[in-house]
Amino acid sequence: MEQVKTQGDDTLQKWEYTSARHSDPVSLAELLNKLGQAGWELVTCTYTESYFSYTCLLKRPVR
């Protein structure tokens, strides 16, 4: 887990991470929407031609 110091505050934000992978962009969008409703924020998403799939990294504050 990464700890990031927030501006103007002495407390550290703790994050948890997860990833999502799918070959179909429509199905991936549906999955990302569900994860977003659960508090996950998309950090990055890449397409890998050799695997014909999208891999996305998401984060949310530790609860």
PDB file of N, CA and C in Angstrom:
ATOM      1  N   MET A   1       0.827  -1.176   0.000  1.00  0.00           N
ATOM      2  CA  MET A   1       0.000   0.000   0.000  1.00  0.00           C
ATOM      3  C   MET A   1       0.870   1.238   0.000  1.00  0.00           C
ATOM      4  N   GLU A   2       0.430   2.247  -0.721  1.00  0.00           N
ATOM      5  CA  GLU A   2       1.149   3.502  -0.807  1.00  0.00           C
ATOM      6  C   GLU A   2       0.577   4.491   0.194  1.00  0.00           C
ATOM      7  N   GLN A   3       1.431   5.283   0.779  1.00  0.00           N
ATOM      8  CA  GLN A   3       0.982   6.338   1.679  1.00  0.00           C
ATOM      9  C   GLN A   3       1.355   7.676   1.062  1.00  0.00           C
ATOM     10  N   VAL A   4       0.395   8.573   0.954  1.00  0.00           N
ATOM     11  CA  VAL A   4       0.613   9.867   0.344  1.00  0.00           C
ATOM     12  C   VAL A   4       0.225  10.944   1.343  1.00  0.00           C
ATOM     13  N   LYS A   5       1.098  11.904   1.541  1.00  0.00           N
ATOM     14  CA  LYS A   5       0.794  13.008   2.452  1.00  0.00           C
ATOM     15  C   LYS A   5      -0.103  13.999   1.726  1.00  0.00           C
ATOM     16  N   THR A   6      -1.232  14.318   2.330  1.00  0.00           N
ATOM     17  CA  THR A   6      -2.162  15.255   1.711  1.00  0.00           C
ATOM     18  C   THR A   6      -1.744  16.678   2.035  1.00  0.00           C
ATOM     19  N   GLN A   7      -2.036  17.596   1.125  1.00  0.00           N
ATOM     20  CA  GLN A   7      -1.633  18.988   1.268  1.00  0.00           C
ATOM     21  C   GLN A   7      -2.267  19.625   2.508  1.00  0.00           C
ATOM     22  N   GLY A   8      -1.437  20.274   3.318  1.00  0.00           N
ATOM     23  CA  GLY A   8      -1.941  20.988   4.470  1.00  0.00           C
ATOM     24  C   GLY A   8      -2.395  20.098   5.612  1.00  0.00           C
ATOM     25  N   ASP A   9      -2.024  18.838   5.588  1.00  0.00           N
ATOM     26  CA  ASP A   9      -2.469  17.905   6.615  1.00  0.00           C
ATOM     27  C   ASP A   9      -1.303  16.995   6.978  1.00  0.00           C
ATOM     28  N   ASP A  10      -1.180  16.666   8.238  1.00  0.00           N
ATOM     29  CA  ASP A  10      -0.091  15.809   8.682  1.00  0.00           C
ATOM     30  C   ASP A  10      -0.438  14.329   8.642  1.00  0.00           C
ATOM     31  N   THR A  11      -1.655  13.984   8.271  1.00  0.00           N
ATOM     32  CA  THR A  11      -2.037  12.580   8.200  1.00  0.00           C
ATOM     33  C   THR A  11      -1.681  12.014   6.831  1.00  0.00           C
ATOM     34  N   LEU A  12      -1.432  10.728   6.787  1.00  0.00           N
ATOM     35  CA  LEU A  12      -1.090  10.056   5.543  1.00  0.00           C
ATOM     36  C   LEU A  12      -2.296   9.302   5.019  1.00  0.00           C
ATOM     37  N   GLN A  13      -2.567   9.456   3.724  1.00  0.00           N
ATOM     38  CA  GLN A  13      -3.644   8.717   3.071  1.00  0.00           C
ATOM     39  C   GLN A  13      -3.118   7.344   2.698  1.00  0.00           C
ATOM     40  N   LYS A  14      -3.832   6.295   3.051  1.00  0.00           N
ATOM     41  CA  LYS A  14      -3.463   4.933   2.678  1.00  0.00           C
ATOM     42  C   LYS A  14      -4.389   4.473   1.566  1.00  0.00           C
ATOM     43  N   TRP A  15      -3.809   3.814   0.584  1.00  0.00           N
ATOM     44  CA  TRP A  15      -4.555   3.355  -0.594  1.00  0.00           C
ATOM     45  C   TRP A  15      -4.503   1.841  -0.687  1.00  0.00           C
ATOM     46  N   GLU A  16      -5.558   1.275  -1.260  1.00  0.00           N
ATOM     47  CA  GLU A  16      -5.521  -0.127  -1.670  1.00  0.00           C
ATOM     48  C   GLU A  16      -5.716  -0.141  -3.174  1.00  0.00           C
ATOM     49  N   TYR A  17      -5.169  -1.167  -3.822  1.00  0.00           N
ATOM     50  CA  TYR A  17      -5.170  -1.250  -5.276  1.00  0.00           C
ATOM     51  C   TYR A  17      -5.794  -2.561  -5.740  1.00  0.00           C
ATOM     52  N   THR A  18      -6.343  -2.505  -6.943  1.00  0.00           N
ATOM     53  CA  THR A  18      -6.828  -3.711  -7.608  1.00  0.00           C
ATOM     54  C   THR A  18      -6.637  -3.520  -9.103  1.00  0.00           C
ATOM     55  N   SER A  19      -6.790  -4.578  -9.843  1.00  0.00           N
ATOM     56  CA  SER A  19      -6.674  -4.491 -11.301  1.00  0.00           C
ATOM     57  C   SER A  19      -7.858  -5.195 -11.947  1.00  0.00           C
ATOM     58  N   ALA A  20      -8.115  -4.800 -13.180  1.00  0.00           N
ATOM     59  CA  ALA A  20      -9.191  -5.405 -13.968  1.00  0.00           C
ATOM     60  C   ALA A  20      -8.649  -5.655 -15.370  1.00  0.00           C
ATOM     61  N   ARG A  21      -8.993  -6.806 -15.934  1.00  0.00           N
ATOM     62  CA  ARG A  21      -8.528  -7.131 -17.288  1.00  0.00           C
ATOM     63  C   ARG A  21      -9.694  -7.705 -18.076  1.00  0.00           C
ATOM     64  N   HIS A  22      -9.805  -7.258 -19.315  1.00  0.00           N
ATOM     65  CA  HIS A  22     -10.853  -7.789 -20.187  1.00  0.00           C
ATOM     66  C   HIS A  22     -10.475  -7.540 -21.634  1.00  0.00           C
ATOM     67  N   SER A  23     -10.910  -8.417 -22.534  1.00  0.00           N
ATOM     68  CA  SER A  23     -10.618  -8.250 -23.956  1.00  0.00           C
ATOM     69  C   SER A  23     -11.703  -7.460 -24.680  1.00  0.00           C
ATOM     70  N   ASP A  24     -12.883  -7.375 -24.101  1.00  0.00           N
ATOM     71  CA  ASP A  24     -14.001  -6.666 -24.728  1.00  0.00           C
ATOM     72  C   ASP A  24     -14.176  -5.295 -24.073  1.00  0.00           C
ATOM     73  N   PRO A  25     -14.019  -4.190 -24.834  1.00  0.00           N
ATOM     74  CA  PRO A  25     -14.108  -2.862 -24.229  1.00  0.00           C
ATOM     75  C   PRO A  25     -15.469  -2.547 -23.611  1.00  0.00           C
ATOM     76  N   VAL A  26     -16.543  -3.075 -24.178  1.00  0.00           N
ATOM     77  CA  VAL A  26     -17.874  -2.827 -23.619  1.00  0.00           C
ATOM     78  C   VAL A  26     -18.019  -3.519 -22.266  1.00  0.00           C
ATOM     79  N   SER A  27     -17.591  -4.767 -22.181  1.00  0.00           N
ATOM     80  CA  SER A  27     -17.641  -5.500 -20.915  1.00  0.00           C
ATOM     81  C   SER A  27     -16.711  -4.868 -19.886  1.00  0.00           C
ATOM     82  N   LEU A  28     -15.565  -4.367 -20.338  1.00  0.00           N
ATOM     83  CA  LEU A  28     -14.639  -3.702 -19.429  1.00  0.00           C
ATOM     84  C   LEU A  28     -15.275  -2.437 -18.858  1.00  0.00           C
ATOM     85  N   ALA A  29     -15.954  -1.667 -19.696  1.00  0.00           N
ATOM     86  CA  ALA A  29     -16.622  -0.447 -19.226  1.00  0.00           C
ATOM     87  C   ALA A  29     -17.679  -0.780 -18.174  1.00  0.00           C
ATOM     88  N   GLU A  30     -18.425  -1.850 -18.383  1.00  0.00           N
ATOM     89  CA  GLU A  30     -19.433  -2.274 -17.398  1.00  0.00           C
ATOM     90  C   GLU A  30     -18.770  -2.653 -16.079  1.00  0.00           C
ATOM     91  N   LEU A  31     -17.653  -3.379 -16.158  1.00  0.00           N
ATOM     92  CA  LEU A  31     -16.914  -3.776 -14.956  1.00  0.00           C
ATOM     93  C   LEU A  31     -16.355  -2.545 -14.235  1.00  0.00           C
ATOM     94  N   LEU A  32     -15.788  -1.606 -14.988  1.00  0.00           N
ATOM     95  CA  LEU A  32     -15.236  -0.399 -14.375  1.00  0.00           C
ATOM     96  C   LEU A  32     -16.326   0.438 -13.715  1.00  0.00           C
ATOM     97  N   ASN A  33     -17.511   0.486 -14.310  1.00  0.00           N
ATOM     98  CA  ASN A  33     -18.629   1.215 -13.692  1.00  0.00           C
ATOM     99  C   ASN A  33     -19.028   0.577 -12.362  1.00  0.00           C
ATOM    100  N   LYS A  34     -19.062  -0.744 -12.317  1.00  0.00           N
ATOM    101  CA  LYS A  34     -19.382  -1.435 -11.055  1.00  0.00           C
ATOM    102  C   LYS A  34     -18.314  -1.166  -9.998  1.00  0.00           C
ATOM    103  N   LEU A  35     -17.060  -1.211 -10.409  1.00  0.00           N
ATOM    104  CA  LEU A  35     -15.979  -0.930  -9.469  1.00  0.00           C
ATOM    105  C   LEU A  35     -16.034   0.523  -8.994  1.00  0.00           C
ATOM    106  N   GLY A  36     -16.376   1.437  -9.875  1.00  0.00           N
ATOM    107  CA  GLY A  36     -16.518   2.844  -9.502  1.00  0.00           C
ATOM    108  C   GLY A  36     -17.608   3.046  -8.462  1.00  0.00           C
ATOM    109  N   GLN A  37     -18.707   2.317  -8.604  1.00  0.00           N
ATOM    110  CA  GLN A  37     -19.787   2.408  -7.616  1.00  0.00           C
ATOM    111  C   GLN A  37     -19.345   1.878  -6.255  1.00  0.00           C
ATOM    112  N   ALA A  38     -18.338   1.007  -6.251  1.00  0.00           N
ATOM    113  CA  ALA A  38     -17.813   0.455  -5.004  1.00  0.00           C
ATOM    114  C   ALA A  38     -16.677   1.314  -4.443  1.00  0.00           C
ATOM    115  N   GLY A  39     -16.440   2.490  -5.051  1.00  0.00           N
ATOM    116  CA  GLY A  39     -15.442   3.413  -4.518  1.00  0.00           C
ATOM    117  C   GLY A  39     -14.080   3.360  -5.182  1.00  0.00           C
ATOM    118  N   TRP A  40     -13.923   2.519  -6.209  1.00  0.00           N
ATOM    119  CA  TRP A  40     -12.641   2.411  -6.898  1.00  0.00           C
ATOM    120  C   TRP A  40     -12.495   3.531  -7.921  1.00  0.00           C
ATOM    121  N   GLU A  41     -11.279   4.061  -8.045  1.00  0.00           N
ATOM    122  CA  GLU A  41     -10.954   5.132  -8.987  1.00  0.00           C
ATOM    123  C   GLU A  41      -9.944   4.600  -9.995  1.00  0.00           C
ATOM    124  N   LEU A  42     -10.208   4.819 -11.277  1.00  0.00           N
ATOM    125  CA  LEU A  42      -9.306   4.348 -12.324  1.00  0.00           C
ATOM    126  C   LEU A  42      -8.031   5.182 -12.318  1.00  0.00           C
ATOM    127  N   VAL A  43      -6.881   4.503 -12.275  1.00  0.00           N
ATOM    128  CA  VAL A  43      -5.589   5.177 -12.300  1.00  0.00           C
ATOM    129  C   VAL A  43      -5.034   5.173 -13.717  1.00  0.00           C
ATOM    130  N   THR A  44      -5.023   3.998 -14.345  1.00  0.00           N
ATOM    131  CA  THR A  44      -4.514   3.874 -15.703  1.00  0.00           C
ATOM    132  C   THR A  44      -5.106   2.634 -16.356  1.00  0.00           C
ATOM    133  N   CYS A  45      -5.103   2.638 -17.673  1.00  0.00           N
ATOM    134  CA  CYS A  45      -5.606   1.499 -18.432  1.00  0.00           C
ATOM    135  C   CYS A  45      -4.764   1.390 -19.705  1.00  0.00           C
ATOM    136  N   THR A  46      -4.270   0.198 -20.002  1.00  0.00           N
ATOM    137  CA  THR A  46      -3.455  -0.012 -21.186  1.00  0.00           C
ATOM    138  C   THR A  46      -3.995  -1.191 -21.996  1.00  0.00           C
ATOM    139  N   TYR A  47      -3.720  -1.161 -23.286  1.00  0.00           N
ATOM    140  CA  TYR A  47      -4.097  -2.264 -24.172  1.00  0.00           C
ATOM    141  C   TYR A  47      -2.830  -3.008 -24.559  1.00  0.00           C
ATOM    142  N   THR A  48      -2.846  -4.322 -24.400  1.00  0.00           N
ATOM    143  CA  THR A  48      -1.704  -5.156 -24.759  1.00  0.00           C
ATOM    144  C   THR A  48      -2.074  -5.973 -25.982  1.00  0.00           C
ATOM    145  N   GLU A  49      -1.438  -5.656 -27.113  1.00  0.00           N
ATOM    146  CA  GLU A  49      -1.772  -6.330 -28.370  1.00  0.00           C
ATOM    147  C   GLU A  49      -1.476  -7.820 -28.337  1.00  0.00           C
ATOM    148  N   SER A  50      -0.395  -8.204 -27.676  1.00  0.00           N
ATOM    149  CA  SER A  50      -0.029  -9.626 -27.672  1.00  0.00           C
ATOM    150  C   SER A  50      -1.049 -10.484 -26.923  1.00  0.00           C
ATOM    151  N   TYR A  51      -1.791  -9.878 -25.977  1.00  0.00           N
ATOM    152  CA  TYR A  51      -2.831 -10.603 -25.240  1.00  0.00           C
ATOM    153  C   TYR A  51      -4.233 -10.207 -25.686  1.00  0.00           C
ATOM    154  N   PHE A  52      -4.335  -9.222 -26.583  1.00  0.00           N
ATOM    155  CA  PHE A  52      -5.621  -8.708 -27.047  1.00  0.00           C
ATOM    156  C   PHE A  52      -6.535  -8.358 -25.882  1.00  0.00           C
ATOM    157  N   SER A  53      -5.969  -7.666 -24.887  1.00  0.00           N
ATOM    158  CA  SER A  53      -6.772  -7.326 -23.720  1.00  0.00           C
ATOM    159  C   SER A  53      -6.351  -5.982 -23.128  1.00  0.00           C
ATOM    160  N   TYR A  54      -7.281  -5.406 -22.382  1.00  0.00           N
ATOM    161  CA  TYR A  54      -7.049  -4.172 -21.637  1.00  0.00           C
ATOM    162  C   TYR A  54      -6.755  -4.555 -20.191  1.00  0.00           C
ATOM    163  N   THR A  55      -5.775  -3.901 -19.600  1.00  0.00           N
ATOM    164  CA  THR A  55      -5.472  -4.085 -18.190  1.00  0.00           C
ATOM    165  C   THR A  55      -5.560  -2.725 -17.520  1.00  0.00           C
ATOM    166  N   CYS A  56      -6.349  -2.647 -16.453  1.00  0.00           N
ATOM    167  CA  CYS A  56      -6.583  -1.384 -15.763  1.00  0.00           C
ATOM    168  C   CYS A  56      -6.177  -1.506 -14.301  1.00  0.00           C
ATOM    169  N   LEU A  57      -5.618  -0.430 -13.765  1.00  0.00           N
ATOM    170  CA  LEU A  57      -5.246  -0.347 -12.359  1.00  0.00           C
ATOM    171  C   LEU A  57      -6.175   0.656 -11.694  1.00  0.00           C
ATOM    172  N   LEU A  58      -6.723   0.264 -10.534  1.00  0.00           N
ATOM    173  CA  LEU A  58      -7.637   1.122  -9.798  1.00  0.00           C
ATOM    174  C   LEU A  58      -7.175   1.255  -8.356  1.00  0.00           C
ATOM    175  N   LYS A  59      -7.582   2.363  -7.710  1.00  0.00           N
ATOM    176  CA  LYS A  59      -7.238   2.573  -6.310  1.00  0.00           C
ATOM    177  C   LYS A  59      -8.438   3.142  -5.569  1.00  0.00           C
ATOM    178  N   ARG A  60      -8.419   2.999  -4.230  1.00  0.00           N
ATOM    179  CA  ARG A  60      -9.394   3.640  -3.352  1.00  0.00           C
ATOM    180  C   ARG A  60      -8.776   3.780  -1.979  1.00  0.00           C
ATOM    181  N   PRO A  61      -9.240   4.766  -1.221  1.00  0.00           N
ATOM    182  CA  PRO A  61      -8.710   4.907   0.127  1.00  0.00           C
ATOM    183  C   PRO A  61      -9.025   3.669   0.955  1.00  0.00           C
ATOM    184  N   VAL A  62      -8.100   3.297   1.820  1.00  0.00           N
ATOM    185  CA  VAL A  62      -8.319   2.165   2.713  1.00  0.00           C
ATOM    186  C   VAL A  62      -9.446   2.527   3.662  1.00  0.00           C
ATOM    187  N   ARG A  63     -10.375   1.612   3.818  1.00  0.00           N
ATOM    188  CA  ARG A  63     -11.547   1.857   4.675  1.00  0.00           C
ATOM    189  C   ARG A  63     -11.286   1.398   6.079  1.00  0.00           C
TER     190      ARG A  63
END
